[in-house]
Amino acid sequence: MIALGVSPCPLVAQRRLGVRGGVSVNGARPLGAMAGAVGRVVPVSVSGNKRLLAGWRAAVAPPACVGLESRFWTDVRFGPGGSRFVGCGTAVGAGTGGGEGPRKLAVFVSGGGSNFRKIHEACVAGKAHGEVAVVVTNKWDCGGAEYARSQGIPVLVYPPRKEDASSMGITPAGLVDSLTGLGVQSVLLAGYLKLIPAELCRAYPRDMLNIHPALLPDFGGPGYYGMRVHRAVVEAGRSESGPTVHFVSERYDEGPILAQRRVALDPSDSPEDVAAKVLAEEHRLFPECVAALCAGRVAWTDDGTPSIVDNA
């Protein structure tokens, strides 16, 4: 079930949708019969949630968005009554993404989202043949989510916040359904600090990448994230560090390594110095790996070791 948020800019549907509560949308009729309905949420039932955004287009009435088609409410929050869309943005159609179209990507973030931004910029610039179809976050107001909203990319909160009763109810299976319903083909973990459900790992075998700020297998596993990693590197007296991009398995930080980038460290480097050096390489390495994945340039050996194949 989808719920469409009502804003001061009335949403006008271009295709008939069945709406619970005795309201329907037909042709150019405003959703919800609408004067004075600002802030209400109108649930809309959509066939099994298998095509979350497909099969309908919406145009936003005056003043700001006249004549713009394929607009929809971009922020997505799942609750016991369905999803809630809040805010206006450019629609991302669902589908398999086959043929010559860009690969549909879901990016998971928990913080500022600098790696997500670099991936998105690479897609927009044509350096990676992909399209960020949705951002998933456990922090609704984090920098990565704010950037996604500014770019018209839908934002999905998972897992729901325990203190927010309105967001309770989504399951790992519901997360998988939502991503497949959006046509997502690959999942990218770009600084996401929550546990990835096994259901998601099984749904995207060899199609889910994570970036880790150390040279795995060292300084990986539960408890090693963010500045904790860089402090451990400094305390161990290492002369080098660097990011690792690896495929995600059901074992924490133990999936097959796709690529690493090494950076030299000075004895005087602080954890903050190490973090800055590693992050600069993350911003180069992750988009390169995403570009290879989107282009089908990831090869696997018989023993399950991946590598990037250069362009011919």
Foldseek 3Di string as FASTA:
>chain_A
DEKAAQAPFFKFKQPWFDWPPPWIHHHRDTPPVDPPCHGDITDTDDPVLLQVQPPIKIFTHDDPTPPDIQKGQAEWFQAPRGIYGHAIAHAQGADQQDDQAAAEEEEEAEALCPLVVLLCVCCVVVVARHHDQEYEYQDCPHNNNVVCRVHRHHYYYPPHDPVDNRRPDQDLVNVVSNCSSRNHQAYEYEHHDDQRDQVVCVSHPVRYKYKALWDPPPQWAPPRHDLNSLQVCLVVVDQKTAMWIFHDHNGTPPGATADIDIDGDDNPDDSVNSVVVRVVVSSVPPSVVNRQVRVVQWDADPVGHIYGHDDD
